[in-house]
Structure formats: C-alpha cells, structure tokens
Amino acid sequence: MNEMRVESTTLRALAYDDGRGILQLEFRTRAIYYYYGVPAAVYEALLGASSKGSYFNQVIRGRFPYASCASAQTGLAGKL
C-alpha cells in the first residue's frame, strides 16, 4: 500500500490494498482507521470526489467494518 496525501479539510492521507480490499484513512487529527471490504470502485470514487470528507460520510462511514490504528502519530507509512 502506498500512502497518498490528499487535499481535504477532513482527510490527510489514504492508502488502498486492492488485493484485500482494505482502505486506510488518516484524518487531519492524525487518527488512522482501516476499513475492510471496500471495493476498488469506492476507493477510486473517493480519490475523485470534490469533497472527500462528504464522500467519506455518505459512502464509507458506518457501511464497512473498521478498526483504529494505535500508531496514528507516525502516519500511514510509519513516517513522521
């Protein structure tokens, strides 16, 4: 998974594992969440959304199982 920085007031970065359907989202608060079973089409639509925060709230939040990451201070790729 490669981290991709995004322009958003809600999200800071994201990454996607196509083989496992895992979407990683890093929020501006530095909290990182893993969303499971996310189709590639949802990831692609998130990338293209004019408002990534709104897309997240309408399409992803509450619709996929998720877990938070304990190492949110280091970012998605383990880097500061």
N, C-alpha and C. Protein backbone atom coordinates (compact mmCIF):
# COMPACT_ATOMS: atom_id res chain seq x y z
N MET A 1 0.85 -1.18 0.00
CA MET A 1 0.00 0.00 0.00
C MET A 1 0.89 1.24 0.00
N ASN A 2 0.60 2.14 -0.89
CA ASN A 2 1.32 3.39 -0.94
C ASN A 2 0.45 4.51 -0.40
N GLU A 3 1.00 5.28 0.52
CA GLU A 3 0.30 6.42 1.08
C GLU A 3 0.16 7.52 0.04
N MET A 4 -1.01 8.11 0.00
CA MET A 4 -1.25 9.23 -0.91
C MET A 4 -1.81 10.39 -0.10
N ARG A 5 -1.13 11.51 -0.12
CA ARG A 5 -1.64 12.71 0.54
C ARG A 5 -2.78 13.27 -0.30
N VAL A 6 -3.79 13.80 0.36
CA VAL A 6 -4.93 14.36 -0.35
C VAL A 6 -5.24 15.75 0.17
N GLU A 7 -5.85 16.55 -0.67
CA GLU A 7 -6.30 17.87 -0.27
C GLU A 7 -7.72 17.74 0.25
N SER A 8 -7.86 17.96 1.54
CA SER A 8 -9.15 17.79 2.20
C SER A 8 -9.09 18.46 3.56
N THR A 9 -10.22 18.97 4.01
CA THR A 9 -10.27 19.53 5.36
C THR A 9 -10.50 18.43 6.39
N THR A 10 -10.85 17.23 5.94
CA THR A 10 -11.13 16.10 6.83
C THR A 10 -10.02 15.07 6.82
N LEU A 11 -9.59 14.69 5.63
CA LEU A 11 -8.58 13.63 5.48
C LEU A 11 -7.21 14.22 5.18
N ARG A 12 -6.19 13.54 5.69
CA ARG A 12 -4.80 13.96 5.44
C ARG A 12 -4.16 13.07 4.38
N ALA A 13 -4.41 11.75 4.47
CA ALA A 13 -3.80 10.79 3.55
C ALA A 13 -4.64 9.54 3.49
N LEU A 14 -4.43 8.75 2.43
CA LEU A 14 -5.12 7.47 2.32
C LEU A 14 -4.26 6.48 1.57
N ALA A 15 -4.61 5.23 1.72
CA ALA A 15 -3.93 4.14 1.02
C ALA A 15 -4.95 3.03 0.81
N TYR A 16 -4.71 2.19 -0.21
CA TYR A 16 -5.66 1.12 -0.52
C TYR A 16 -4.93 -0.14 -0.92
N ASP A 17 -5.35 -1.25 -0.36
CA ASP A 17 -4.83 -2.58 -0.72
C ASP A 17 -5.90 -3.26 -1.56
N ASP A 18 -5.69 -3.25 -2.87
CA ASP A 18 -6.67 -3.79 -3.81
C ASP A 18 -6.90 -5.29 -3.60
N GLY A 19 -5.84 -6.02 -3.30
CA GLY A 19 -5.94 -7.46 -3.12
C GLY A 19 -6.78 -7.87 -1.92
N ARG A 20 -6.77 -7.05 -0.88
CA ARG A 20 -7.51 -7.37 0.34
C ARG A 20 -8.70 -6.45 0.59
N GLY A 21 -8.86 -5.43 -0.24
CA GLY A 21 -9.99 -4.52 -0.07
C GLY A 21 -9.91 -3.71 1.21
N ILE A 22 -8.69 -3.33 1.61
CA ILE A 22 -8.51 -2.56 2.84
C ILE A 22 -8.17 -1.12 2.49
N LEU A 23 -8.96 -0.21 3.03
CA LEU A 23 -8.75 1.22 2.84
C LEU A 23 -8.23 1.80 4.15
N GLN A 24 -7.08 2.48 4.09
CA GLN A 24 -6.53 3.17 5.25
C GLN A 24 -6.79 4.65 5.08
N LEU A 25 -7.35 5.26 6.10
CA LEU A 25 -7.60 6.69 6.07
C LEU A 25 -6.91 7.34 7.25
N GLU A 26 -6.13 8.37 6.98
CA GLU A 26 -5.54 9.18 8.03
C GLU A 26 -6.26 10.51 8.03
N PHE A 27 -6.85 10.85 9.17
CA PHE A 27 -7.60 12.08 9.30
C PHE A 27 -6.68 13.22 9.71
N ARG A 28 -7.16 14.43 9.57
CA ARG A 28 -6.37 15.61 9.95
C ARG A 28 -5.97 15.57 11.42
N THR A 29 -6.73 14.87 12.23
CA THR A 29 -6.42 14.71 13.66
C THR A 29 -5.27 13.75 13.88
N ARG A 30 -4.78 13.12 12.81
CA ARG A 30 -3.72 12.10 12.79
C ARG A 30 -4.24 10.72 13.20
N ALA A 31 -5.53 10.59 13.44
CA ALA A 31 -6.12 9.28 13.71
C ALA A 31 -6.14 8.48 12.41
N ILE A 32 -5.79 7.20 12.50
CA ILE A 32 -5.78 6.32 11.34
C ILE A 32 -6.78 5.20 11.55
N TYR A 33 -7.59 4.95 10.53
CA TYR A 33 -8.56 3.87 10.56
C TYR A 33 -8.39 2.99 9.34
N TYR A 34 -8.61 1.69 9.54
CA TYR A 34 -8.62 0.70 8.47
C TYR A 34 -10.07 0.30 8.22
N TYR A 35 -10.50 0.38 6.98
CA TYR A 35 -11.86 -0.04 6.59
C TYR A 35 -11.73 -1.29 5.73
N TYR A 36 -12.51 -2.32 6.04
CA TYR A 36 -12.39 -3.63 5.41
C TYR A 36 -13.53 -3.90 4.44
N GLY A 37 -13.20 -4.62 3.36
CA GLY A 37 -14.21 -4.99 2.38
C GLY A 37 -14.62 -3.84 1.47
N VAL A 38 -13.75 -2.87 1.32
CA VAL A 38 -14.06 -1.70 0.50
C VAL A 38 -13.74 -2.01 -0.97
N PRO A 39 -14.73 -1.93 -1.85
CA PRO A 39 -14.48 -2.19 -3.27
C PRO A 39 -13.56 -1.13 -3.88
N ALA A 40 -12.81 -1.53 -4.89
CA ALA A 40 -11.91 -0.60 -5.57
C ALA A 40 -12.68 0.60 -6.14
N ALA A 41 -13.90 0.38 -6.58
CA ALA A 41 -14.71 1.48 -7.13
C ALA A 41 -14.98 2.57 -6.09
N VAL A 42 -15.14 2.17 -4.84
CA VAL A 42 -15.37 3.14 -3.76
C VAL A 42 -14.10 3.95 -3.53
N TYR A 43 -12.96 3.27 -3.53
CA TYR A 43 -11.67 3.95 -3.38
C TYR A 43 -11.45 4.95 -4.52
N GLU A 44 -11.69 4.52 -5.75
CA GLU A 44 -11.49 5.39 -6.90
C GLU A 44 -12.42 6.60 -6.84
N ALA A 45 -13.66 6.38 -6.42
CA ALA A 45 -14.61 7.48 -6.30
C ALA A 45 -14.18 8.46 -5.20
N LEU A 46 -13.62 7.93 -4.11
CA LEU A 46 -13.11 8.79 -3.04
C LEU A 46 -11.98 9.67 -3.58
N LEU A 47 -11.07 9.09 -4.34
CA LEU A 47 -9.98 9.86 -4.93
C LEU A 47 -10.50 11.00 -5.81
N GLY A 48 -11.55 10.75 -6.55
CA GLY A 48 -12.08 11.73 -7.47
C GLY A 48 -13.12 12.68 -6.90
N ALA A 49 -13.51 12.45 -5.66
CA ALA A 49 -14.57 13.27 -5.05
C ALA A 49 -14.10 14.71 -4.83
N SER A 50 -14.96 15.66 -5.13
CA SER A 50 -14.61 17.06 -4.90
C SER A 50 -14.53 17.36 -3.40
N SER A 51 -15.34 16.67 -2.60
CA SER A 51 -15.29 16.78 -1.15
C SER A 51 -15.08 15.39 -0.58
N LYS A 52 -13.84 15.10 -0.23
CA LYS A 52 -13.51 13.76 0.28
C LYS A 52 -14.18 13.49 1.63
N GLY A 53 -14.30 14.52 2.46
CA GLY A 53 -14.97 14.36 3.74
C GLY A 53 -16.45 14.02 3.58
N SER A 54 -17.12 14.70 2.67
CA SER A 54 -18.53 14.41 2.42
C SER A 54 -18.71 13.02 1.84
N TYR A 55 -17.83 12.64 0.90
CA TYR A 55 -17.91 11.30 0.31
C TYR A 55 -17.71 10.25 1.39
N PHE A 56 -16.72 10.45 2.25
CA PHE A 56 -16.48 9.52 3.35
C PHE A 56 -17.73 9.36 4.20
N ASN A 57 -18.33 10.49 4.60
CA ASN A 57 -19.51 10.44 5.46
C ASN A 57 -20.72 9.80 4.80
N GLN A 58 -20.88 9.98 3.50
CA GLN A 58 -22.05 9.46 2.80
C GLN A 58 -21.90 8.02 2.33
N VAL A 59 -20.67 7.60 2.01
CA VAL A 59 -20.49 6.29 1.37
C VAL A 59 -19.72 5.28 2.22
N ILE A 60 -18.78 5.73 3.02
CA ILE A 60 -17.90 4.80 3.75
C ILE A 60 -18.27 4.67 5.22
N ARG A 61 -18.39 5.78 5.89
CA ARG A 61 -18.65 5.78 7.34
C ARG A 61 -19.92 5.01 7.67
N GLY A 62 -19.79 4.06 8.59
CA GLY A 62 -20.93 3.27 9.03
C GLY A 62 -21.36 2.17 8.09
N ARG A 63 -20.65 2.00 6.97
CA ARG A 63 -21.05 0.99 5.99
C ARG A 63 -20.04 -0.14 5.83
N PHE A 64 -18.86 0.03 6.38
CA PHE A 64 -17.83 -1.00 6.30
C PHE A 64 -17.26 -1.24 7.69
N PRO A 65 -16.90 -2.50 8.00
CA PRO A 65 -16.24 -2.76 9.28
C PRO A 65 -14.92 -2.01 9.32
N TYR A 66 -14.52 -1.57 10.52
CA TYR A 66 -13.29 -0.79 10.62
C TYR A 66 -12.58 -1.06 11.95
N ALA A 67 -11.34 -0.64 12.00
CA ALA A 67 -10.54 -0.71 13.22
C ALA A 67 -9.63 0.50 13.24
N SER A 68 -9.35 1.01 14.43
CA SER A 68 -8.42 2.13 14.52
C SER A 68 -7.00 1.60 14.69
N CYS A 69 -6.06 2.40 14.27
CA CYS A 69 -4.65 2.04 14.36
C CYS A 69 -4.05 2.73 15.57
N ALA A 70 -3.30 2.00 16.37
CA ALA A 70 -2.73 2.56 17.60
C ALA A 70 -1.56 3.50 17.32
N SER A 71 -0.96 3.43 16.12
CA SER A 71 0.23 4.24 15.85
C SER A 71 -0.08 5.45 14.97
N ALA A 72 -1.14 6.14 15.29
CA ALA A 72 -1.57 7.28 14.47
C ALA A 72 -0.55 8.41 14.43
N GLN A 73 0.32 8.52 15.41
CA GLN A 73 1.29 9.61 15.44
C GLN A 73 2.37 9.50 14.37
N THR A 74 2.55 8.32 13.79
CA THR A 74 3.61 8.13 12.81
C THR A 74 3.11 8.14 11.37
N GLY A 75 1.83 8.20 11.15
CA GLY A 75 1.30 8.23 9.78
C GLY A 75 1.14 6.86 9.18
N LEU A 76 0.58 6.81 7.99
CA LEU A 76 0.27 5.53 7.35
C LEU A 76 1.50 4.71 7.03
N ALA A 77 2.57 5.36 6.64
CA ALA A 77 3.76 4.62 6.22
C ALA A 77 4.79 4.50 7.35
N GLY A 78 4.40 4.84 8.56
CA GLY A 78 5.32 4.74 9.68
C GLY A 78 6.34 5.86 9.70
N LYS A 79 6.05 6.96 9.01
CA LYS A 79 6.95 8.10 8.95
C LYS A 79 6.30 9.30 9.62
N LEU A 80 7.11 10.17 10.18
CA LEU A 80 6.59 11.41 10.75
C LEU A 80 6.35 12.42 9.65
